[in-house]
Protein backbone atom coordinates (compact mmCIF):
# COMPACT_ATOMS: atom_id res chain seq x y z
CA MET A 1 40.76 3.26 6.03
CA HIS A 2 43.96 4.29 7.77
CA ASP A 3 44.56 7.02 5.24
CA GLU A 4 41.75 9.03 6.08
CA LEU A 5 42.05 12.50 8.12
CA PRO A 6 39.98 12.74 11.37
CA ALA A 7 37.33 15.30 10.82
CA HIS A 8 38.81 17.98 12.66
CA GLU A 9 42.05 17.93 10.40
CA ALA A 10 39.77 17.72 7.13
CA LEU A 11 38.05 20.79 8.38
CA LEU A 12 41.28 22.64 8.95
CA ASP A 13 42.59 21.75 5.75
CA ARG A 14 39.46 22.88 3.95
CA GLY A 15 39.33 26.16 5.73
CA TRP A 16 42.86 27.04 5.61
CA GLY A 17 44.71 24.97 3.35
CA THR A 18 46.85 21.70 4.07
CA VAL A 19 50.18 22.29 6.43
CA GLN A 20 53.17 23.06 4.34
CA GLY A 21 56.67 23.78 4.87
CA ALA A 22 58.53 26.99 3.25
CA ARG A 23 58.99 26.47 -0.46
CA ILE A 24 62.17 24.62 -1.50
CA LYS A 25 65.10 26.07 -3.23
CA GLU A 26 68.25 24.53 -4.07
CA ALA A 27 67.26 21.34 -1.86
CA ARG A 28 66.69 23.54 1.12
CA PRO A 29 63.64 25.11 2.83
CA GLN A 30 63.83 28.63 1.89
CA ILE A 31 64.41 30.18 5.39
CA HIS A 32 67.28 32.65 6.24
CA PRO A 33 69.50 32.04 9.13
CA TRP A 34 68.18 35.25 10.80
CA GLU A 35 64.69 33.83 10.49
CA ARG A 36 65.31 30.59 12.69
CA GLY A 37 64.14 32.45 15.71
CA VAL A 38 60.84 33.83 16.29
CA ASN A 39 60.08 37.69 15.95
CA PRO A 40 59.93 38.91 19.58
CA ASP A 41 56.80 41.09 18.46
CA LEU A 42 54.62 37.96 18.04
CA HIS A 43 51.01 37.68 19.16
CA VAL A 44 49.61 34.22 18.91
CA ILE A 45 45.56 34.25 18.97
CA PRO A 46 43.99 30.45 19.38
CA ALA A 47 40.83 29.84 17.29
CA GLY A 48 37.80 31.26 18.55
CA ASN A 49 39.93 34.33 20.20
CA PRO A 50 39.18 33.21 23.77
CA ASN A 51 41.26 36.05 25.17
CA ALA A 52 39.22 38.82 23.12
CA VAL A 53 42.30 40.25 21.42
CA ASP A 54 41.62 43.20 19.19
CA LEU A 55 44.22 43.55 16.65
CA LYS A 56 43.22 47.39 16.56
CA THR A 57 45.12 47.42 19.58
CA VAL A 58 47.99 45.33 18.53
CA LEU A 59 48.71 46.60 15.08
CA ASN A 60 50.65 49.98 14.78
CA PHE A 61 48.40 51.99 12.54
CA GLU A 62 50.69 54.92 12.62
CA ALA A 63 53.68 53.08 11.26
CA MET A 64 51.50 51.65 8.59
CA GLN A 65 49.92 54.50 7.57
CA ASN A 66 53.09 56.91 7.59
CA ASN A 67 56.18 54.38 6.87
CA GLY A 68 54.58 51.46 4.86
CA LEU A 69 55.01 48.84 8.07
CA LEU A 70 53.45 45.50 7.14
CA TYR A 71 52.37 42.82 9.28
CA MET A 72 53.13 39.27 8.64
CA LEU A 73 50.13 36.82 9.43
CA ALA A 74 49.94 32.97 9.45
CA ILE A 75 47.60 30.40 10.49
CA ASP A 76 49.27 27.42 12.10
CA GLU A 77 48.91 23.70 12.05
CA GLN A 78 46.26 24.18 14.99
CA SER A 79 44.57 27.06 13.30
CA ARG A 80 46.26 29.49 15.57
CA LEU A 81 46.44 33.19 14.15
CA ARG A 82 50.03 34.43 14.38
CA VAL A 83 50.69 38.11 13.70
CA ALA A 84 53.89 40.12 13.93
CA PRO A 85 55.18 43.11 12.11
CA GLU A 86 57.70 42.67 9.23
CA THR A 87 60.84 43.69 10.93
CA LEU A 88 63.94 44.98 9.32
CA LEU A 89 67.20 43.83 10.92
CA GLU A 90 70.53 45.59 10.68
CA GLY A 91 73.12 44.63 7.85
CA ARG A 92 72.30 43.07 4.51
CA ASP A 93 72.61 39.37 3.29
CA GLU A 94 75.46 38.04 1.10
CA THR A 95 73.50 39.25 -2.27
CA GLY A 96 73.13 42.82 -0.82
CA LYS A 97 69.15 42.57 0.19
CA GLU A 98 67.87 43.91 3.28
CA ARG A 99 67.41 41.24 6.00
CA ARG A 100 63.69 41.45 7.43
CA LEU A 101 61.95 38.84 9.73
CA GLY A 102 59.07 37.35 7.48
CA HIS A 103 56.66 34.50 7.68
CA PRO A 104 59.02 31.80 9.09
CA ALA A 105 59.84 33.96 12.14
CA LEU A 106 56.50 33.44 13.15
CA ILE A 107 56.70 29.93 14.47
CA GLU A 108 58.97 28.02 16.68
CA GLY A 109 61.00 25.05 15.35
CA ALA A 110 64.25 26.58 14.19
CA GLU A 111 66.51 23.48 15.51
CA ASP A 112 65.55 21.62 12.78
CA ILE A 113 66.23 23.78 10.13
CA ASN A 114 69.34 21.89 8.99
CA ASP A 115 67.33 18.61 9.01
CA ILE A 116 66.03 18.44 5.37
CA GLU A 117 65.54 14.97 4.91
CA GLY A 118 62.38 14.82 2.81
CA HIS A 119 62.43 18.64 2.71
CA GLU A 120 60.93 18.60 6.24
CA ASN A 121 61.27 21.37 8.71
CA LYS A 122 59.14 22.64 11.67
CA LYS A 123 58.39 26.02 10.35
CA LYS A 124 55.09 25.09 8.83
CA PHE A 125 51.73 26.76 8.11
CA ARG A 126 48.45 26.65 6.60
CA ILE A 127 48.20 29.88 5.20
CA CYS A 128 50.37 32.94 5.37
CA GLY A 129 49.84 36.69 4.37
CA GLU A 130 49.97 40.48 4.95
CA ILE A 131 48.22 43.31 6.62
CA GLY A 132 48.97 46.74 5.20
CA TRP A 133 47.62 50.16 4.94
CA ASP A 134 46.09 51.21 1.46
CA ALA A 135 46.66 54.90 1.29
CA GLU A 136 44.44 55.37 -1.80
CA LYS A 137 41.51 53.96 -0.51
CA GLY A 138 42.36 54.78 3.18
CA VAL A 139 41.80 51.25 4.40
CA VAL A 140 43.31 48.35 6.15
CA TYR A 141 43.88 45.55 3.67
CA ALA A 142 44.96 41.79 3.86
CA MET A 143 46.23 39.55 1.47
CA ALA A 144 46.89 35.76 1.65
CA LYS A 145 50.17 36.19 -0.18
CA SER A 146 53.60 34.59 0.73
CA GLY A 147 56.34 33.71 -1.60
CA ARG A 148 57.35 30.75 0.69
CA TYR A 149 54.20 29.45 1.89
CA SER A 150 51.18 30.52 -0.41
CA ARG A 151 52.10 28.95 -3.62
CA HIS A 152 49.81 25.65 -3.21
CA PRO A 153 46.83 24.66 -5.20
CA ASP A 154 44.65 24.51 -2.02
CA ARG A 155 45.15 28.23 -1.23
CA GLY A 156 42.24 30.32 -2.88
CA PRO A 157 39.41 32.65 -2.66
CA TYR A 158 37.51 30.18 0.09
CA GLN A 159 40.59 30.36 2.25
CA SER A 160 41.05 33.86 1.54
CA GLU A 161 37.55 34.64 3.04
CA HIS A 162 38.06 32.16 5.82
CA LEU A 163 41.07 34.45 6.70
CA ARG A 164 39.14 37.70 6.74
CA ARG A 165 36.57 36.47 8.89
CA ARG A 166 39.22 35.22 11.40
CA LEU A 167 40.42 38.78 11.16
CA ALA A 168 37.26 40.24 11.76
CA ALA A 169 36.47 38.16 14.83
CA CYS A 170 39.74 39.83 16.26
CA GLY A 171 38.34 43.17 15.89
CA LEU A 172 39.91 44.16 12.53
CA ASN A 173 37.70 44.43 9.31
CA VAL A 174 39.96 44.39 6.06
CA ASP A 175 39.58 44.73 2.52
CA MET A 176 40.71 41.46 1.49
CA ARG A 177 42.58 41.31 -1.70
CA PRO A 178 43.22 38.49 -4.22
CA VAL A 179 46.57 36.97 -4.73
CA PRO A 180 47.74 38.01 -8.56
CA ASP A 181 47.67 35.03 -10.78
CA ASN A 182 51.70 35.43 -11.05
CA GLU A 183 52.26 35.11 -7.43
């Protein structure tokens, strides 16, 4: 029975999804060179929120409401909540798209980004998503959506509800949105 997961690991897998790296595209993890570092505005909140972090004091609601600022969120391998603003960088990439610090910039591990043996990289998460402002409803919403990390069969309503409860435990009640089927 060497293949069985320890009980704690199995609980984390059920609650958050299995640990996954970024989606592979053209035989490489889909992580941009500017995302190899860590977002300087990153907040890491351990499970149970032992430091009583209140996300209402961390998030910039004015920028969310007035400028459409999104916050990227992720649950890492140890079930720590990682939150940082989606940061727009200067310049554009080679295709002309804006350069932003997305989900990969929520975790360390960039030194191995070119080691794709078996499509491995250290920028792995259990679940990723975003926090934003719904101007029409006047509420903060969250969604377990990431083009690079959420396309796995073990991410669904149960994991989204688990995420909603984690945010509430950090002082942030959200309107949890389902991920559209085509995402």
